[in-house]
N, C-alpha and C. Protein backbone atom coordinates (compact mmCIF):
# COMPACT_ATOMS: atom_id res chain seq x y z
N UNK A 1 0.81 -1.19 0.00
CA UNK A 1 0.00 0.00 0.00
C UNK A 1 0.86 1.27 0.00
N UNK A 2 1.93 1.26 0.82
CA UNK A 2 2.82 2.42 0.88
C UNK A 2 3.47 2.70 -0.47
N UNK A 3 3.75 1.64 -1.23
CA UNK A 3 4.43 1.81 -2.52
C UNK A 3 3.65 2.70 -3.46
N UNK A 4 2.33 2.71 -3.34
CA UNK A 4 1.49 3.55 -4.19
C UNK A 4 1.05 4.82 -3.46
N UNK A 5 0.68 4.67 -2.19
CA UNK A 5 0.12 5.79 -1.45
C UNK A 5 1.11 6.94 -1.26
N UNK A 6 2.34 6.63 -0.94
CA UNK A 6 3.34 7.68 -0.69
C UNK A 6 3.59 8.53 -1.94
N UNK A 7 3.89 7.93 -3.11
CA UNK A 7 4.06 8.76 -4.31
C UNK A 7 2.79 9.55 -4.66
N UNK A 8 1.63 8.95 -4.44
CA UNK A 8 0.37 9.65 -4.72
C UNK A 8 0.21 10.86 -3.80
N UNK A 9 0.48 10.67 -2.52
CA UNK A 9 0.40 11.79 -1.56
C UNK A 9 1.38 12.89 -1.94
N UNK A 10 2.57 12.51 -2.35
CA UNK A 10 3.57 13.51 -2.74
C UNK A 10 3.14 14.22 -4.01
N UNK A 11 2.54 13.49 -4.95
CA UNK A 11 2.05 14.13 -6.18
C UNK A 11 0.95 15.14 -5.86
N UNK A 12 0.01 14.77 -5.01
CA UNK A 12 -1.07 15.70 -4.63
C UNK A 12 -0.48 16.91 -3.91
N UNK A 13 0.52 16.69 -3.08
CA UNK A 13 1.21 17.78 -2.42
C UNK A 13 1.83 18.72 -3.46
N UNK A 14 2.45 18.15 -4.50
CA UNK A 14 3.03 18.95 -5.57
C UNK A 14 1.98 19.74 -6.33
N UNK A 15 0.79 19.17 -6.48
CA UNK A 15 -0.31 19.88 -7.15
C UNK A 15 -0.74 21.10 -6.32
N UNK A 16 -0.88 20.91 -5.01
CA UNK A 16 -1.20 22.04 -4.14
C UNK A 16 -0.14 23.13 -4.24
N UNK A 17 1.13 22.71 -4.23
CA UNK A 17 2.22 23.69 -4.28
C UNK A 17 2.21 24.46 -5.60
N UNK A 18 2.00 23.76 -6.70
CA UNK A 18 1.97 24.42 -8.00
C UNK A 18 0.85 25.45 -8.06
N UNK A 19 -0.31 25.12 -7.51
CA UNK A 19 -1.42 26.08 -7.49
C UNK A 19 -1.07 27.26 -6.58
N UNK A 20 -0.42 26.99 -5.45
CA UNK A 20 -0.02 28.08 -4.56
C UNK A 20 1.00 29.00 -5.22
N UNK A 21 1.94 28.41 -5.96
CA UNK A 21 2.98 29.21 -6.63
C UNK A 21 2.41 30.04 -7.77
N UNK A 22 1.51 29.46 -8.55
CA UNK A 22 1.09 30.09 -9.80
C UNK A 22 -0.37 30.50 -9.87
N UNK A 23 -1.21 29.92 -9.04
CA UNK A 23 -2.65 30.17 -9.13
C UNK A 23 -3.02 31.62 -8.93
N UNK A 24 -2.29 32.32 -8.09
CA UNK A 24 -2.60 33.72 -7.82
C UNK A 24 -2.41 34.60 -9.05
N UNK A 25 -1.70 34.13 -10.06
CA UNK A 25 -1.52 34.92 -11.27
C UNK A 25 -2.82 35.09 -12.05
N UNK A 26 -3.80 34.21 -11.78
CA UNK A 26 -5.12 34.34 -12.40
C UNK A 26 -5.92 35.48 -11.78
N UNK A 27 -5.57 35.89 -10.58
CA UNK A 27 -6.35 36.92 -9.87
C UNK A 27 -5.48 38.13 -9.56
N UNK A 28 -4.68 38.56 -10.51
CA UNK A 28 -3.77 39.69 -10.27
C UNK A 28 -4.50 40.97 -9.93
N UNK A 29 -5.75 41.09 -10.33
CA UNK A 29 -6.52 42.30 -10.06
C UNK A 29 -6.86 42.46 -8.57
N UNK A 30 -6.66 41.42 -7.76
CA UNK A 30 -6.93 41.52 -6.33
C UNK A 30 -5.76 42.11 -5.54
N UNK A 31 -4.59 42.18 -6.12
CA UNK A 31 -3.45 42.76 -5.43
C UNK A 31 -2.60 41.72 -4.72
N UNK A 32 -1.51 42.21 -4.16
CA UNK A 32 -0.50 41.33 -3.57
C UNK A 32 -0.97 40.64 -2.30
N UNK A 33 -1.54 41.36 -1.36
CA UNK A 33 -1.89 40.76 -0.07
C UNK A 33 -2.95 39.66 -0.19
N UNK A 34 -4.02 39.84 -0.96
CA UNK A 34 -4.94 38.70 -1.13
C UNK A 34 -4.27 37.50 -1.80
N UNK A 35 -3.37 37.76 -2.76
CA UNK A 35 -2.65 36.66 -3.41
C UNK A 35 -1.76 35.94 -2.41
N UNK A 36 -1.12 36.70 -1.55
CA UNK A 36 -0.26 36.11 -0.52
C UNK A 36 -1.09 35.25 0.44
N UNK A 37 -2.23 35.77 0.86
CA UNK A 37 -3.11 35.02 1.75
C UNK A 37 -3.61 33.73 1.10
N UNK A 38 -3.99 33.82 -0.18
CA UNK A 38 -4.45 32.64 -0.89
C UNK A 38 -3.33 31.60 -0.98
N UNK A 39 -2.15 32.04 -1.34
CA UNK A 39 -1.02 31.12 -1.46
C UNK A 39 -0.70 30.45 -0.14
N UNK A 40 -0.66 31.21 0.93
CA UNK A 40 -0.38 30.62 2.25
C UNK A 40 -1.49 29.66 2.67
N UNK A 41 -2.73 29.97 2.32
CA UNK A 41 -3.84 29.08 2.62
C UNK A 41 -3.73 27.74 1.91
N UNK A 42 -3.17 27.76 0.71
CA UNK A 42 -2.98 26.53 -0.06
C UNK A 42 -1.73 25.79 0.41
N UNK A 43 -0.71 26.51 0.79
CA UNK A 43 0.55 25.89 1.17
C UNK A 43 0.44 25.11 2.48
N UNK A 44 -0.38 25.56 3.41
CA UNK A 44 -0.48 24.85 4.69
C UNK A 44 -0.93 23.40 4.51
N UNK A 45 -2.05 23.11 3.80
CA UNK A 45 -2.40 21.70 3.60
C UNK A 45 -1.36 20.95 2.77
N UNK A 46 -0.72 21.65 1.84
CA UNK A 46 0.35 21.03 1.05
C UNK A 46 1.48 20.56 1.95
N UNK A 47 1.87 21.42 2.86
CA UNK A 47 2.98 21.10 3.75
C UNK A 47 2.62 19.94 4.68
N UNK A 48 1.40 19.97 5.21
CA UNK A 48 0.95 18.88 6.08
C UNK A 48 0.97 17.55 5.32
N UNK A 49 0.46 17.56 4.09
CA UNK A 49 0.43 16.35 3.27
C UNK A 49 1.83 15.87 2.94
N UNK A 50 2.73 16.79 2.63
CA UNK A 50 4.10 16.43 2.28
C UNK A 50 4.83 15.82 3.48
N UNK A 51 4.70 16.44 4.64
CA UNK A 51 5.37 15.91 5.84
C UNK A 51 4.79 14.54 6.20
N UNK A 52 3.47 14.40 6.10
CA UNK A 52 2.85 13.11 6.40
C UNK A 52 3.34 12.03 5.44
N UNK A 53 3.43 12.37 4.16
CA UNK A 53 3.88 11.39 3.16
C UNK A 53 5.33 10.98 3.40
N UNK A 54 6.20 11.93 3.69
CA UNK A 54 7.61 11.57 3.88
C UNK A 54 7.82 10.80 5.18
N UNK A 55 7.08 11.12 6.22
CA UNK A 55 7.21 10.36 7.47
C UNK A 55 6.67 8.95 7.30
N UNK A 56 5.54 8.83 6.60
CA UNK A 56 4.92 7.53 6.37
C UNK A 56 5.78 6.67 5.43
N UNK A 57 6.39 7.30 4.44
CA UNK A 57 7.13 6.56 3.43
C UNK A 57 8.56 6.22 3.78
N UNK A 58 9.12 6.89 4.80
CA UNK A 58 10.52 6.66 5.15
C UNK A 58 10.68 5.22 5.64
N UNK A 59 11.62 4.54 5.05
CA UNK A 59 11.83 3.12 5.34
C UNK A 59 11.40 2.28 4.16
N UNK A 60 10.28 2.64 3.56
CA UNK A 60 9.86 2.00 2.30
C UNK A 60 10.64 2.64 1.16
N UNK A 61 10.78 3.94 1.22
CA UNK A 61 11.57 4.71 0.26
C UNK A 61 12.68 5.43 1.02
N UNK A 62 13.78 5.69 0.33
CA UNK A 62 14.84 6.50 0.94
C UNK A 62 14.45 7.97 0.85
N UNK A 63 15.14 8.79 1.61
CA UNK A 63 14.90 10.23 1.55
C UNK A 63 15.15 10.76 0.14
N UNK A 64 16.20 10.26 -0.52
CA UNK A 64 16.51 10.71 -1.88
C UNK A 64 15.40 10.32 -2.86
N UNK A 65 14.84 9.14 -2.69
CA UNK A 65 13.75 8.71 -3.57
C UNK A 65 12.51 9.58 -3.36
N UNK A 66 12.19 9.87 -2.11
CA UNK A 66 11.01 10.71 -1.86
C UNK A 66 11.24 12.13 -2.34
N UNK A 67 12.46 12.63 -2.21
CA UNK A 67 12.77 13.96 -2.74
C UNK A 67 12.64 13.96 -4.26
N UNK A 68 13.01 12.86 -4.89
CA UNK A 68 12.85 12.75 -6.34
C UNK A 68 11.39 12.76 -6.73
N UNK A 69 10.55 12.03 -5.99
CA UNK A 69 9.10 12.08 -6.23
C UNK A 69 8.60 13.52 -6.11
N UNK A 70 9.04 14.19 -5.06
CA UNK A 70 8.56 15.54 -4.80
C UNK A 70 8.98 16.51 -5.91
N UNK A 71 10.24 16.49 -6.27
CA UNK A 71 10.73 17.42 -7.29
C UNK A 71 10.12 17.13 -8.66
N UNK A 72 10.04 15.86 -9.02
CA UNK A 72 9.48 15.50 -10.32
C UNK A 72 8.00 15.84 -10.38
N UNK A 73 7.26 15.49 -9.34
CA UNK A 73 5.83 15.82 -9.36
C UNK A 73 5.62 17.33 -9.34
N UNK A 74 6.50 18.05 -8.66
CA UNK A 74 6.40 19.51 -8.65
C UNK A 74 6.56 20.10 -10.03
N UNK A 75 7.53 19.62 -10.78
CA UNK A 75 7.75 20.12 -12.14
C UNK A 75 6.56 19.79 -13.04
N UNK A 76 6.08 18.56 -12.93
CA UNK A 76 4.93 18.15 -13.75
C UNK A 76 3.70 18.97 -13.38
N UNK A 77 3.46 19.17 -12.09
CA UNK A 77 2.29 19.94 -11.66
C UNK A 77 2.40 21.41 -12.07
N UNK A 78 3.59 21.98 -12.00
CA UNK A 78 3.77 23.36 -12.46
C UNK A 78 3.45 23.45 -13.96
N UNK A 79 3.90 22.48 -14.73
CA UNK A 79 3.59 22.47 -16.16
C UNK A 79 2.09 22.36 -16.39
N UNK A 80 1.42 21.49 -15.64
CA UNK A 80 -0.04 21.34 -15.80
C UNK A 80 -0.80 22.59 -15.39
N UNK A 81 -0.40 23.20 -14.28
CA UNK A 81 -1.05 24.44 -13.85
C UNK A 81 -0.78 25.55 -14.86
N UNK A 82 0.44 25.63 -15.36
CA UNK A 82 0.77 26.64 -16.37
C UNK A 82 -0.09 26.46 -17.61
N UNK A 83 -0.29 25.22 -18.01
CA UNK A 83 -1.07 24.94 -19.22
C UNK A 83 -2.56 25.17 -19.00
N UNK A 84 -3.11 24.55 -17.96
CA UNK A 84 -4.56 24.53 -17.82
C UNK A 84 -5.14 25.68 -16.99
N UNK A 85 -4.36 26.27 -16.13
CA UNK A 85 -4.85 27.40 -15.35
C UNK A 85 -4.46 28.74 -15.96
N UNK A 86 -3.25 28.78 -16.52
CA UNK A 86 -2.76 30.03 -17.09
C UNK A 86 -2.80 30.07 -18.62
N UNK A 87 -3.10 28.92 -19.25
CA UNK A 87 -3.24 28.89 -20.71
C UNK A 87 -1.93 28.91 -21.47
N UNK A 88 -0.82 28.59 -20.83
CA UNK A 88 0.47 28.57 -21.52
C UNK A 88 0.61 27.27 -22.32
N UNK A 89 1.42 27.29 -23.35
CA UNK A 89 1.62 26.12 -24.20
C UNK A 89 2.72 25.22 -23.65
N UNK A 90 2.56 23.92 -23.88
CA UNK A 90 3.60 22.94 -23.55
C UNK A 90 4.16 22.47 -24.89
N UNK A 91 5.45 22.70 -25.09
CA UNK A 91 6.08 22.38 -26.38
C UNK A 91 6.94 21.14 -26.33
N UNK A 92 7.65 20.93 -27.42
CA UNK A 92 8.52 19.76 -27.56
C UNK A 92 9.63 19.74 -26.51
N UNK A 93 10.17 20.90 -26.19
CA UNK A 93 11.22 20.96 -25.17
C UNK A 93 10.70 20.51 -23.81
N UNK A 94 9.45 20.85 -23.52
CA UNK A 94 8.85 20.39 -22.27
C UNK A 94 8.76 18.87 -22.27
N UNK A 95 8.31 18.32 -23.38
CA UNK A 95 8.20 16.87 -23.50
C UNK A 95 9.54 16.19 -23.30
N UNK A 96 10.58 16.73 -23.92
CA UNK A 96 11.93 16.18 -23.76
C UNK A 96 12.38 16.29 -22.31
N UNK A 97 12.08 17.41 -21.68
CA UNK A 97 12.42 17.58 -20.27
C UNK A 97 11.73 16.56 -19.39
N UNK A 98 10.46 16.27 -19.70
CA UNK A 98 9.74 15.25 -18.93
C UNK A 98 10.34 13.87 -19.13
N UNK A 99 10.78 13.58 -20.34
CA UNK A 99 11.45 12.30 -20.59
C UNK A 99 12.74 12.18 -19.79
N UNK A 100 13.50 13.26 -19.74
CA UNK A 100 14.74 13.25 -18.96
C UNK A 100 14.45 13.11 -17.46
N UNK A 101 13.39 13.77 -16.99
CA UNK A 101 13.00 13.59 -15.59
C UNK A 101 12.61 12.14 -15.31
N UNK A 102 11.88 11.53 -16.24
CA UNK A 102 11.48 10.13 -16.07
C UNK A 102 12.71 9.23 -16.02
N UNK A 103 13.70 9.53 -16.86
CA UNK A 103 14.93 8.73 -16.86
C UNK A 103 15.66 8.89 -15.53
N UNK A 104 15.75 10.12 -15.03
CA UNK A 104 16.40 10.36 -13.75
C UNK A 104 15.67 9.69 -12.61
N UNK A 105 14.35 9.75 -12.65
CA UNK A 105 13.57 9.10 -11.60
C UNK A 105 13.77 7.59 -11.63
N UNK A 106 13.83 7.03 -12.82
CA UNK A 106 14.05 5.58 -12.96
C UNK A 106 15.40 5.19 -12.35
N UNK A 107 16.43 6.00 -12.63
CA UNK A 107 17.76 5.71 -12.07
C UNK A 107 17.74 5.77 -10.54
N UNK A 108 17.07 6.77 -9.99
CA UNK A 108 17.07 6.93 -8.53
C UNK A 108 16.19 5.89 -7.83
N UNK A 109 15.21 5.35 -8.52
CA UNK A 109 14.33 4.37 -7.88
C UNK A 109 14.87 2.95 -7.94
N UNK A 110 15.89 2.73 -8.76
CA UNK A 110 16.52 1.41 -8.79
C UNK A 110 17.20 1.17 -7.45
N UNK A 111 17.00 -0.01 -6.92
CA UNK A 111 17.55 -0.30 -5.59
C UNK A 111 19.07 -0.32 -5.60
N UNK A 112 19.69 -1.00 -6.57
CA UNK A 112 21.15 -1.06 -6.62
C UNK A 112 21.62 -1.28 -8.01
């Protein structure tokens, strides 16, 4: 169960973080302080989920493996939020970058 649940929790955490980082750009007309409040409101559950996932997963996964899940999911979630929330395009270079991330993740997840 941990083998699936921990990466899923970390991915959801990355989705929250991506929305906190970039979501406020959709509401620029509200000003800085409301954007800051919204971002902090989103980051708190993200942080709780991330800490819970890493504490629960430690021992099943190494710290380096969980950090790899977190960083990779963060990049993917930022790309998805950029595309679907902000309307930015995802091009061939993005695709190549995702392939390289997948290769790096595969290397780090190999036991030995």
